[in-house]
Amino acid sequence: MKSSFSFDKKYSQIIKEIIYPIMKKILYLSFSILIFLSCKNSRKETEMEILTKYIEYYNGLVDTSFVKSDGIYFIDTLPHIFEPVKPQTGDSVILAYTGYILNAGNSLQQFITVDTLNPDTYIYKNESVIEGWERGVGMMSANRKIVLIIPSDLAYGKHSAGLIPPYSTLVFEIEIRKLIKNR
C-alpha cells in the first residue's frame, strides 16, 4: 500500500508540473488560431462590403458602370476611341497612373502617382507587378484611360506593401501613353 501511495503522489506531481502546463499551451494555441482565422475571414468580408458599396456609389455618379472581368472591375473612360492593339507578352508599356487604397465610406487614399510628364515604362507580363494590374493593362490599348479596381486577392492579399495594408482593395486611374511592340 505504501508503494501505491508514493506512485499516486509522483503521478499527481507529474500531472501538475508537466501535463497541465502543456495542455494549457495547446489550448491557448488552439484558441489563438481560431481567433486569427475568424479575423482573417471578417477582414476579407469587410473588404468585399467596402468594394461593393464603392462600385454602387461610383455607378450612381457616372453614365457607365464598372464591368467585372477576370476578377477585376474597370471603366473605360474613353469608350469612343477604338484602338484594337493590346499589349502582348514582352511589349513595353509606357503609362501614367495614380493608385489609391479604397477605405470605408467610399474614400480613397492616394499612395502613388506617375504623371504624364514622367510616365513609367514596364515590360508587360514579366511578373514584376501584381496580378490584377497585369489583367487590367492587358485589356487596354494605347491612348486609353481606365479606372481599375483590384480586390486584394489579385493585389497583395494578406500581406502589406509599403503604405498598403493587408486586404486592401486598390483603385487605379491608368492611361497607356504608348505601346511599343516587342517584335
N, C-alpha and C. Protein backbone atom coordinates (compact mmCIF):
# COMPACT_ATOMS: atom_id res chain seq x y z
N MET A 1 0.80 -1.19 0.00
CA MET A 1 0.00 0.00 0.00
C MET A 1 0.84 1.25 0.00
N LYS A 2 1.95 1.17 0.67
CA LYS A 2 2.83 2.32 0.76
C LYS A 2 3.38 2.68 -0.61
N SER A 3 3.75 1.72 -1.41
CA SER A 3 4.29 1.99 -2.75
C SER A 3 3.21 2.59 -3.66
N SER A 4 1.99 2.17 -3.52
CA SER A 4 0.90 2.73 -4.31
C SER A 4 0.70 4.20 -4.01
N PHE A 5 0.80 4.54 -2.72
CA PHE A 5 0.63 5.93 -2.31
C PHE A 5 1.73 6.81 -2.91
N SER A 6 2.95 6.36 -2.87
CA SER A 6 4.06 7.16 -3.42
C SER A 6 3.94 7.27 -4.94
N PHE A 7 3.47 6.21 -5.60
CA PHE A 7 3.26 6.27 -7.05
C PHE A 7 2.18 7.29 -7.38
N ASP A 8 1.07 7.28 -6.65
CA ASP A 8 -0.01 8.24 -6.88
C ASP A 8 0.47 9.66 -6.66
N LYS A 9 1.30 9.86 -5.66
CA LYS A 9 1.81 11.18 -5.35
C LYS A 9 2.75 11.66 -6.48
N LYS A 10 3.62 10.77 -6.97
CA LYS A 10 4.53 11.13 -8.06
C LYS A 10 3.73 11.40 -9.34
N TYR A 11 2.76 10.55 -9.59
CA TYR A 11 1.92 10.71 -10.79
C TYR A 11 1.17 12.04 -10.72
N SER A 12 0.65 12.37 -9.60
CA SER A 12 -0.07 13.63 -9.40
C SER A 12 0.87 14.81 -9.60
N GLN A 13 2.08 14.70 -9.13
CA GLN A 13 3.07 15.76 -9.27
C GLN A 13 3.45 15.94 -10.74
N ILE A 14 3.62 14.86 -11.47
CA ILE A 14 3.93 14.92 -12.90
C ILE A 14 2.80 15.61 -13.65
N ILE A 15 1.58 15.25 -13.33
CA ILE A 15 0.43 15.87 -13.99
C ILE A 15 0.42 17.38 -13.74
N LYS A 16 0.63 17.78 -12.50
CA LYS A 16 0.59 19.20 -12.15
C LYS A 16 1.75 19.98 -12.78
N GLU A 17 2.94 19.41 -12.80
CA GLU A 17 4.11 20.14 -13.24
C GLU A 17 4.37 20.05 -14.75
N ILE A 18 3.96 18.97 -15.37
CA ILE A 18 4.30 18.79 -16.79
C ILE A 18 3.05 18.78 -17.68
N ILE A 19 2.11 17.92 -17.39
CA ILE A 19 0.96 17.72 -18.27
C ILE A 19 0.07 18.97 -18.32
N TYR A 20 -0.30 19.54 -17.18
CA TYR A 20 -1.17 20.72 -17.14
C TYR A 20 -0.58 21.91 -17.92
N PRO A 21 0.68 22.25 -17.71
CA PRO A 21 1.23 23.38 -18.50
C PRO A 21 1.21 23.12 -20.01
N ILE A 22 1.48 21.89 -20.41
CA ILE A 22 1.45 21.55 -21.84
C ILE A 22 0.02 21.66 -22.37
N MET A 23 -0.94 21.15 -21.61
CA MET A 23 -2.34 21.24 -22.02
C MET A 23 -2.79 22.69 -22.11
N LYS A 24 -2.35 23.53 -21.19
CA LYS A 24 -2.70 24.95 -21.22
C LYS A 24 -2.16 25.60 -22.50
N LYS A 25 -0.91 25.28 -22.84
CA LYS A 25 -0.31 25.85 -24.04
C LYS A 25 -1.03 25.39 -25.30
N ILE A 26 -1.38 24.13 -25.36
CA ILE A 26 -2.11 23.61 -26.51
C ILE A 26 -3.48 24.28 -26.63
N LEU A 27 -4.17 24.42 -25.52
CA LEU A 27 -5.47 25.08 -25.52
C LEU A 27 -5.33 26.54 -25.94
N TYR A 28 -4.34 27.25 -25.41
CA TYR A 28 -4.12 28.65 -25.77
C TYR A 28 -3.79 28.79 -27.25
N LEU A 29 -2.93 27.92 -27.77
CA LEU A 29 -2.56 27.96 -29.17
C LEU A 29 -3.77 27.69 -30.06
N SER A 30 -4.57 26.70 -29.71
CA SER A 30 -5.77 26.38 -30.49
C SER A 30 -6.74 27.57 -30.51
N PHE A 31 -6.93 28.19 -29.36
CA PHE A 31 -7.82 29.34 -29.26
C PHE A 31 -7.28 30.51 -30.09
N SER A 32 -5.98 30.74 -30.07
CA SER A 32 -5.36 31.82 -30.83
C SER A 32 -5.53 31.60 -32.33
N ILE A 33 -5.35 30.38 -32.78
CA ILE A 33 -5.52 30.05 -34.19
C ILE A 33 -6.97 30.28 -34.61
N LEU A 34 -7.89 29.88 -33.79
CA LEU A 34 -9.31 30.07 -34.08
C LEU A 34 -9.64 31.56 -34.21
N ILE A 35 -9.14 32.37 -33.31
CA ILE A 35 -9.38 33.81 -33.37
C ILE A 35 -8.75 34.40 -34.63
N PHE A 36 -7.52 34.00 -34.94
CA PHE A 36 -6.84 34.52 -36.13
C PHE A 36 -7.62 34.19 -37.40
N LEU A 37 -8.08 32.96 -37.52
CA LEU A 37 -8.82 32.56 -38.71
C LEU A 37 -10.14 33.30 -38.83
N SER A 38 -10.83 33.54 -37.71
CA SER A 38 -12.09 34.26 -37.78
C SER A 38 -11.85 35.73 -38.13
N CYS A 39 -10.75 36.32 -37.67
CA CYS A 39 -10.42 37.71 -38.02
C CYS A 39 -10.08 37.81 -39.50
N LYS A 40 -9.37 36.83 -40.02
CA LYS A 40 -9.00 36.83 -41.42
C LYS A 40 -10.25 36.87 -42.29
N ASN A 41 -11.23 36.02 -41.98
CA ASN A 41 -12.46 35.99 -42.76
C ASN A 41 -13.22 37.30 -42.64
N SER A 42 -13.26 37.88 -41.45
CA SER A 42 -14.01 39.11 -41.28
C SER A 42 -13.33 40.26 -42.02
N ARG A 43 -11.99 40.28 -42.09
CA ARG A 43 -11.31 41.34 -42.84
C ARG A 43 -11.62 41.23 -44.32
N LYS A 44 -11.65 40.02 -44.86
CA LYS A 44 -11.97 39.82 -46.27
C LYS A 44 -13.43 40.19 -46.54
N GLU A 45 -14.34 39.80 -45.62
CA GLU A 45 -15.74 40.17 -45.77
C GLU A 45 -15.91 41.68 -45.73
N THR A 46 -15.21 42.35 -44.83
CA THR A 46 -15.27 43.80 -44.74
C THR A 46 -14.76 44.43 -46.03
N GLU A 47 -13.67 43.90 -46.56
CA GLU A 47 -13.14 44.42 -47.82
C GLU A 47 -14.18 44.31 -48.93
N MET A 48 -14.85 43.17 -49.03
CA MET A 48 -15.85 42.97 -50.08
C MET A 48 -17.05 43.89 -49.89
N GLU A 49 -17.45 44.16 -48.66
CA GLU A 49 -18.55 45.11 -48.39
C GLU A 49 -18.16 46.51 -48.86
N ILE A 50 -16.94 46.94 -48.54
CA ILE A 50 -16.47 48.26 -48.94
C ILE A 50 -16.41 48.35 -50.47
N LEU A 51 -15.90 47.31 -51.12
CA LEU A 51 -15.80 47.27 -52.57
C LEU A 51 -17.19 47.38 -53.21
N THR A 52 -18.13 46.60 -52.73
CA THR A 52 -19.49 46.62 -53.27
C THR A 52 -20.13 48.00 -53.12
N LYS A 53 -19.98 48.61 -51.94
CA LYS A 53 -20.54 49.94 -51.72
C LYS A 53 -19.90 50.98 -52.63
N TYR A 54 -18.59 50.88 -52.83
CA TYR A 54 -17.90 51.83 -53.70
C TYR A 54 -18.39 51.72 -55.13
N ILE A 55 -18.53 50.52 -55.64
CA ILE A 55 -18.99 50.32 -57.01
C ILE A 55 -20.41 50.86 -57.16
N GLU A 56 -21.29 50.58 -56.20
CA GLU A 56 -22.66 51.12 -56.25
C GLU A 56 -22.64 52.64 -56.23
N TYR A 57 -21.81 53.22 -55.36
CA TYR A 57 -21.68 54.67 -55.25
C TYR A 57 -21.17 55.27 -56.56
N TYR A 58 -20.09 54.71 -57.09
CA TYR A 58 -19.47 55.23 -58.30
C TYR A 58 -20.41 55.09 -59.49
N ASN A 59 -21.08 53.95 -59.61
CA ASN A 59 -22.01 53.73 -60.71
C ASN A 59 -23.15 54.75 -60.69
N GLY A 60 -23.50 55.25 -59.51
CA GLY A 60 -24.53 56.27 -59.40
C GLY A 60 -24.06 57.63 -59.86
N LEU A 61 -22.75 57.85 -59.95
CA LEU A 61 -22.20 59.15 -60.34
C LEU A 61 -21.93 59.28 -61.83
N VAL A 62 -21.74 58.18 -62.51
CA VAL A 62 -21.34 58.22 -63.91
C VAL A 62 -22.37 57.52 -64.78
N ASP A 63 -22.30 57.80 -66.08
CA ASP A 63 -23.27 57.21 -67.00
C ASP A 63 -23.00 55.73 -67.28
N THR A 64 -21.78 55.34 -67.13
CA THR A 64 -21.42 53.95 -67.41
C THR A 64 -21.21 53.20 -66.10
N SER A 65 -21.13 51.91 -66.16
CA SER A 65 -20.96 51.10 -64.95
C SER A 65 -19.66 50.32 -65.03
N PHE A 66 -19.18 49.93 -63.86
CA PHE A 66 -18.00 49.08 -63.83
C PHE A 66 -18.34 47.73 -64.43
N VAL A 67 -17.42 47.22 -65.18
CA VAL A 67 -17.55 45.89 -65.77
C VAL A 67 -16.61 44.98 -64.99
N LYS A 68 -17.10 43.80 -64.63
CA LYS A 68 -16.23 42.85 -63.95
C LYS A 68 -15.72 41.87 -65.00
N SER A 69 -14.42 41.72 -65.04
CA SER A 69 -13.81 40.81 -65.98
C SER A 69 -12.56 40.21 -65.36
N ASP A 70 -12.48 38.91 -65.37
CA ASP A 70 -11.28 38.22 -64.91
C ASP A 70 -10.91 38.60 -63.46
N GLY A 71 -11.93 38.86 -62.63
CA GLY A 71 -11.70 39.13 -61.21
C GLY A 71 -11.47 40.59 -60.85
N ILE A 72 -11.38 41.46 -61.85
CA ILE A 72 -11.17 42.88 -61.60
C ILE A 72 -12.37 43.67 -62.15
N TYR A 73 -12.45 44.94 -61.75
CA TYR A 73 -13.52 45.82 -62.20
C TYR A 73 -12.87 46.99 -62.93
N PHE A 74 -13.50 47.43 -64.02
CA PHE A 74 -12.92 48.57 -64.74
C PHE A 74 -13.99 49.37 -65.45
N ILE A 75 -13.67 50.62 -65.68
CA ILE A 75 -14.46 51.51 -66.53
C ILE A 75 -13.51 52.10 -67.55
N ASP A 76 -13.87 52.01 -68.81
CA ASP A 76 -13.11 52.66 -69.87
C ASP A 76 -13.62 54.09 -69.96
N THR A 77 -12.79 55.06 -69.60
CA THR A 77 -13.24 56.45 -69.57
C THR A 77 -13.19 57.12 -70.95
N LEU A 78 -12.66 56.43 -71.94
CA LEU A 78 -12.66 56.93 -73.31
C LEU A 78 -13.25 55.86 -74.23
N PRO A 79 -14.51 55.46 -74.01
CA PRO A 79 -15.05 54.34 -74.79
C PRO A 79 -15.24 54.63 -76.27
N HIS A 80 -15.23 55.89 -76.66
CA HIS A 80 -15.46 56.25 -78.06
C HIS A 80 -14.21 56.10 -78.93
N ILE A 81 -13.05 55.93 -78.30
CA ILE A 81 -11.81 55.76 -79.06
C ILE A 81 -11.58 54.26 -79.25
N PHE A 82 -11.40 53.85 -80.50
CA PHE A 82 -11.17 52.43 -80.76
C PHE A 82 -9.75 52.23 -81.24
N GLU A 83 -8.98 51.50 -80.47
CA GLU A 83 -7.60 51.15 -80.81
C GLU A 83 -7.46 49.67 -80.49
N PRO A 84 -7.45 48.82 -81.50
CA PRO A 84 -7.50 47.38 -81.26
C PRO A 84 -6.21 46.74 -80.74
N VAL A 85 -5.08 47.44 -80.83
CA VAL A 85 -3.81 46.83 -80.46
C VAL A 85 -3.65 46.83 -78.94
N LYS A 86 -3.54 45.65 -78.37
CA LYS A 86 -3.36 45.50 -76.92
C LYS A 86 -1.97 44.92 -76.66
N PRO A 87 -1.46 45.13 -75.44
CA PRO A 87 -0.11 44.63 -75.16
C PRO A 87 -0.04 43.11 -75.18
N GLN A 88 1.08 42.63 -75.67
CA GLN A 88 1.39 41.20 -75.68
C GLN A 88 2.61 40.98 -74.79
N THR A 89 2.85 39.75 -74.39
CA THR A 89 3.99 39.43 -73.54
C THR A 89 5.28 40.01 -74.12
N GLY A 90 6.02 40.75 -73.28
CA GLY A 90 7.29 41.33 -73.68
C GLY A 90 7.21 42.74 -74.25
N ASP A 91 5.99 43.23 -74.56
CA ASP A 91 5.85 44.59 -75.06
C ASP A 91 6.17 45.60 -73.97
N SER A 92 6.71 46.75 -74.36
CA SER A 92 6.95 47.85 -73.43
C SER A 92 5.69 48.71 -73.38
N VAL A 93 5.23 48.97 -72.17
CA VAL A 93 4.04 49.78 -71.98
C VAL A 93 4.46 51.04 -71.24
N ILE A 94 4.22 52.19 -71.86
CA ILE A 94 4.54 53.47 -71.23
C ILE A 94 3.22 54.05 -70.74
N LEU A 95 3.15 54.30 -69.44
CA LEU A 95 1.88 54.73 -68.89
C LEU A 95 2.02 55.70 -67.73
N ALA A 96 0.92 56.41 -67.49
CA ALA A 96 0.79 57.30 -66.34
C ALA A 96 -0.35 56.73 -65.50
N TYR A 97 -0.23 56.87 -64.19
CA TYR A 97 -1.28 56.32 -63.33
C TYR A 97 -1.25 56.95 -61.95
N THR A 98 -2.37 56.81 -61.27
CA THR A 98 -2.49 57.18 -59.87
C THR A 98 -3.12 56.01 -59.16
N GLY A 99 -2.54 55.63 -58.03
CA GLY A 99 -3.06 54.49 -57.27
C GLY A 99 -3.63 54.94 -55.94
N TYR A 100 -4.74 54.32 -55.57
CA TYR A 100 -5.44 54.64 -54.33
C TYR A 100 -5.76 53.36 -53.56
N ILE A 101 -5.89 53.51 -52.26
CA ILE A 101 -6.40 52.44 -51.40
C ILE A 101 -7.85 52.79 -51.12
N LEU A 102 -8.75 51.84 -51.33
CA LEU A 102 -10.17 52.06 -51.07
C LEU A 102 -10.44 51.83 -49.59
N ASN A 103 -10.93 52.87 -48.91
CA ASN A 103 -11.24 52.79 -47.48
C ASN A 103 -12.75 52.79 -47.29
N ALA A 104 -13.17 52.52 -46.06
CA ALA A 104 -14.60 52.57 -45.72
C ALA A 104 -15.14 53.97 -46.01
N GLY A 105 -16.41 54.06 -46.31
CA GLY A 105 -17.02 55.35 -46.57
C GLY A 105 -16.72 55.88 -47.97
N ASN A 106 -16.33 54.99 -48.87
CA ASN A 106 -16.03 55.35 -50.27
C ASN A 106 -14.90 56.35 -50.40
N SER A 107 -14.02 56.42 -49.42
CA SER A 107 -12.90 57.35 -49.51
C SER A 107 -11.68 56.64 -50.11
N LEU A 108 -10.90 57.40 -50.84
CA LEU A 108 -9.70 56.87 -51.47
C LEU A 108 -8.48 57.55 -50.87
N GLN A 109 -7.48 56.76 -50.54
CA GLN A 109 -6.23 57.27 -50.00
C GLN A 109 -5.16 57.06 -51.07
N GLN A 110 -4.65 58.14 -51.62
CA GLN A 110 -3.65 58.04 -52.68
C GLN A 110 -2.34 57.52 -52.12
N PHE A 111 -1.71 56.59 -52.85
CA PHE A 111 -0.41 56.08 -52.41
C PHE A 111 0.67 56.20 -53.47
N ILE A 112 0.30 56.51 -54.71
CA ILE A 112 1.32 56.68 -55.74
C ILE A 112 0.75 57.47 -56.92
N THR A 113 1.62 58.26 -57.55
CA THR A 113 1.26 58.97 -58.79
C THR A 113 2.46 58.94 -59.71
N VAL A 114 2.21 58.55 -60.94
CA VAL A 114 3.20 58.64 -62.00
C VAL A 114 2.52 59.48 -63.07
N ASP A 115 2.96 60.72 -63.24
CA ASP A 115 2.23 61.65 -64.10
C ASP A 115 2.62 61.51 -65.57
N THR A 116 1.84 62.21 -66.41
CA THR A 116 2.05 62.10 -67.85
C THR A 116 3.33 62.77 -68.33
N LEU A 117 3.89 63.68 -67.51
CA LEU A 117 5.15 64.31 -67.90
C LEU A 117 6.35 63.37 -67.70
N ASN A 118 6.22 62.47 -66.74
CA ASN A 118 7.28 61.49 -66.46
C ASN A 118 6.67 60.09 -66.38
N PRO A 119 6.16 59.59 -67.50
CA PRO A 119 5.49 58.29 -67.45
C PRO A 119 6.44 57.15 -67.10
N ASP A 120 5.86 56.07 -66.65
CA ASP A 120 6.59 54.88 -66.25
C ASP A 120 6.58 53.88 -67.40
N THR A 121 7.63 53.11 -67.52
CA THR A 121 7.69 52.06 -68.54
C THR A 121 7.86 50.72 -67.84
N TYR A 122 7.08 49.76 -68.26
CA TYR A 122 7.30 48.41 -67.75
C TYR A 122 7.06 47.41 -68.88
N ILE A 123 7.64 46.26 -68.72
CA ILE A 123 7.50 45.19 -69.72
C ILE A 123 6.29 44.35 -69.33
N TYR A 124 5.33 44.27 -70.23
CA TYR A 124 4.09 43.54 -69.96
C TYR A 124 4.36 42.05 -69.77
N LYS A 125 3.75 41.50 -68.75
CA LYS A 125 3.82 40.07 -68.40
C LYS A 125 5.21 39.60 -68.01
N ASN A 126 5.97 40.45 -67.32
CA ASN A 126 7.28 39.99 -66.84
C ASN A 126 7.23 39.66 -65.35
N GLU A 127 6.02 39.59 -64.79
CA GLU A 127 5.78 39.18 -63.41
C GLU A 127 6.39 40.12 -62.37
N SER A 128 6.52 41.41 -62.72
CA SER A 128 7.08 42.36 -61.77
C SER A 128 6.00 43.20 -61.08
N VAL A 129 4.74 42.99 -61.45
CA VAL A 129 3.64 43.74 -60.86
C VAL A 129 2.57 42.77 -60.37
N ILE A 130 1.59 43.30 -59.65
CA ILE A 130 0.53 42.45 -59.12
C ILE A 130 -0.35 41.90 -60.25
N GLU A 131 -0.96 40.77 -59.98
CA GLU A 131 -1.76 40.06 -60.98
C GLU A 131 -2.91 40.93 -61.53
N GLY A 132 -3.60 41.65 -60.65
CA GLY A 132 -4.71 42.50 -61.10
C GLY A 132 -4.28 43.59 -62.05
N TRP A 133 -3.08 44.12 -61.84
CA TRP A 133 -2.52 45.15 -62.73
C TRP A 133 -2.29 44.56 -64.12
N GLU A 134 -1.67 43.38 -64.17
CA GLU A 134 -1.42 42.72 -65.46
C GLU A 134 -2.73 42.48 -66.22
N ARG A 135 -3.74 42.00 -65.49
CA ARG A 135 -5.02 41.73 -66.14
C ARG A 135 -5.65 43.01 -66.67
N GLY A 136 -5.60 44.08 -65.88
CA GLY A 136 -6.20 45.35 -66.30
C GLY A 136 -5.49 45.97 -67.48
N VAL A 137 -4.17 46.04 -67.42
CA VAL A 137 -3.40 46.63 -68.52
C VAL A 137 -3.55 45.77 -69.77
N GLY A 138 -3.70 44.48 -69.60
CA GLY A 138 -3.88 43.59 -70.75
C GLY A 138 -5.18 43.83 -71.50
N MET A 139 -6.15 44.48 -70.86
CA MET A 139 -7.42 44.79 -71.53
C MET A 139 -7.38 46.15 -72.22
N MET A 140 -6.30 46.90 -71.99
CA MET A 140 -6.20 48.25 -72.54
C MET A 140 -5.47 48.25 -73.87
N SER A 141 -5.60 49.36 -74.58
CA SER A 141 -4.81 49.60 -75.77
C SER A 141 -4.20 50.99 -75.64
N ALA A 142 -3.34 51.35 -76.56
CA ALA A 142 -2.67 52.65 -76.48
C ALA A 142 -3.69 53.78 -76.51
N ASN A 143 -3.36 54.86 -75.83
CA ASN A 143 -4.19 56.07 -75.76
C ASN A 143 -5.53 55.82 -75.08
N ARG A 144 -5.56 54.91 -74.14
CA ARG A 144 -6.78 54.62 -73.38
C ARG A 144 -6.61 55.06 -71.95
N LYS A 145 -7.73 55.38 -71.32
CA LYS A 145 -7.77 55.69 -69.89
C LYS A 145 -8.83 54.81 -69.26
N ILE A 146 -8.45 54.18 -68.15
CA ILE A 146 -9.43 53.37 -67.43
C ILE A 146 -9.32 53.65 -65.94
N VAL A 147 -10.40 53.32 -65.24
CA VAL A 147 -10.38 53.24 -63.78
C VAL A 147 -10.44 51.75 -63.50
N LEU A 148 -9.49 51.26 -62.76
CA LEU A 148 -9.34 49.83 -62.49
C LEU A 148 -9.46 49.58 -60.99
N ILE A 149 -10.31 48.65 -60.60
CA ILE A 149 -10.44 48.28 -59.19
C ILE A 149 -9.93 46.85 -59.05
N ILE A 150 -8.96 46.68 -58.15
CA ILE A 150 -8.34 45.37 -57.95
C ILE A 150 -8.59 44.90 -56.52
N PRO A 151 -9.39 43.84 -56.34
CA PRO A 151 -9.57 43.29 -54.99
C PRO A 151 -8.25 42.74 -54.45
N SER A 152 -8.15 42.63 -53.15
CA SER A 152 -6.88 42.26 -52.52
C SER A 152 -6.34 40.92 -52.97
N ASP A 153 -7.23 39.97 -53.32
CA ASP A 153 -6.72 38.65 -53.72
C ASP A 153 -5.97 38.71 -55.05
N LEU A 154 -6.11 39.80 -55.82
CA LEU A 154 -5.33 39.98 -57.05
C LEU A 154 -4.31 41.11 -56.87
N ALA A 155 -4.14 41.55 -55.62
CA ALA A 155 -3.15 42.58 -55.30
C ALA A 155 -2.15 41.98 -54.32
N TYR A 156 -2.15 42.45 -53.08
CA TYR A 156 -1.18 41.97 -52.10
C TYR A 156 -1.79 41.01 -51.07
N GLY A 157 -3.10 40.76 -51.15
CA GLY A 157 -3.75 39.79 -50.28
C GLY A 157 -3.57 40.09 -48.81
N LYS A 158 -3.13 39.08 -48.06
CA LYS A 158 -2.98 39.22 -46.61
C LYS A 158 -1.69 39.93 -46.21
N HIS A 159 -0.89 40.32 -47.19
CA HIS A 159 0.39 40.98 -46.92
C HIS A 159 0.27 42.49 -47.09
N SER A 160 1.11 43.22 -46.38
CA SER A 160 1.19 44.66 -46.59
C SER A 160 2.32 44.94 -47.57
N ALA A 161 2.27 46.12 -48.19
CA ALA A 161 3.32 46.52 -49.13
C ALA A 161 3.46 48.04 -49.04
N GLY A 162 4.48 48.49 -48.36
CA GLY A 162 4.67 49.92 -48.17
C GLY A 162 3.51 50.53 -47.41
N LEU A 163 2.81 51.48 -48.03
CA LEU A 163 1.66 52.14 -47.40
C LEU A 163 0.38 51.31 -47.49
N ILE A 164 0.43 50.21 -48.21
CA ILE A 164 -0.78 49.41 -48.45
C ILE A 164 -0.93 48.34 -47.36
N PRO A 165 -2.01 48.44 -46.56
CA PRO A 165 -2.22 47.42 -45.52
C PRO A 165 -2.76 46.11 -46.12
N PRO A 166 -2.73 45.03 -45.34
CA PRO A 166 -3.30 43.76 -45.82
C PRO A 166 -4.78 43.91 -46.17
N TYR A 167 -5.24 43.06 -47.07
CA TYR A 167 -6.64 43.01 -47.50
C TYR A 167 -7.14 44.36 -48.00
N SER A 168 -6.34 45.03 -48.80
CA SER A 168 -6.72 46.33 -49.34
C SER A 168 -7.14 46.20 -50.80
N THR A 169 -8.29 46.79 -51.11
CA THR A 169 -8.71 46.93 -52.49
C THR A 169 -8.01 48.15 -53.05
N LEU A 170 -7.45 48.02 -54.24
CA LEU A 170 -6.71 49.12 -54.87
C LEU A 170 -7.51 49.66 -56.05
N VAL A 171 -7.46 50.98 -56.22
CA VAL A 171 -8.12 51.64 -57.34
C VAL A 171 -7.04 52.41 -58.10
N PHE A 172 -7.00 52.21 -59.40
CA PHE A 172 -6.02 52.90 -60.24
C PHE A 172 -6.73 53.66 -61.35
N GLU A 173 -6.24 54.84 -61.62
CA GLU A 173 -6.58 55.56 -62.85
C GLU A 173 -5.36 55.40 -63.74
N ILE A 174 -5.53 54.74 -64.88
CA ILE A 174 -4.39 54.38 -65.73
C ILE A 174 -4.59 54.93 -67.14
N GLU A 175 -3.51 55.44 -67.70
CA GLU A 175 -3.52 55.89 -69.09
C GLU A 175 -2.30 55.29 -69.78
N ILE A 176 -2.54 54.49 -70.82
CA ILE A 176 -1.43 54.00 -71.62
C ILE A 176 -1.07 55.09 -72.63
N ARG A 177 0.13 55.63 -72.46
CA ARG A 177 0.61 56.70 -73.33
C ARG A 177 1.14 56.16 -74.64
N LYS A 178 1.81 55.01 -74.55
CA LYS A 178 2.42 54.44 -75.75
C LYS A 178 2.62 52.96 -75.54
N LEU A 179 2.50 52.22 -76.60
CA LEU A 179 2.71 50.78 -76.57
C LEU A 179 3.77 50.47 -77.62
N ILE A 180 4.88 49.88 -77.17
CA ILE A 180 5.98 49.56 -78.08
C ILE A 180 6.03 48.03 -78.22
N LYS A 181 5.72 47.56 -79.41
CA LYS A 181 5.68 46.12 -79.66
C LYS A 181 7.09 45.52 -79.59
N ASN A 182 7.17 44.35 -79.03
CA ASN A 182 8.44 43.65 -78.83
C ASN A 182 9.00 43.13 -80.15
N ARG A 183 8.15 42.81 -81.05
CA ARG A 183 8.57 42.19 -82.31
C ARG A 183 8.73 43.21 -83.40
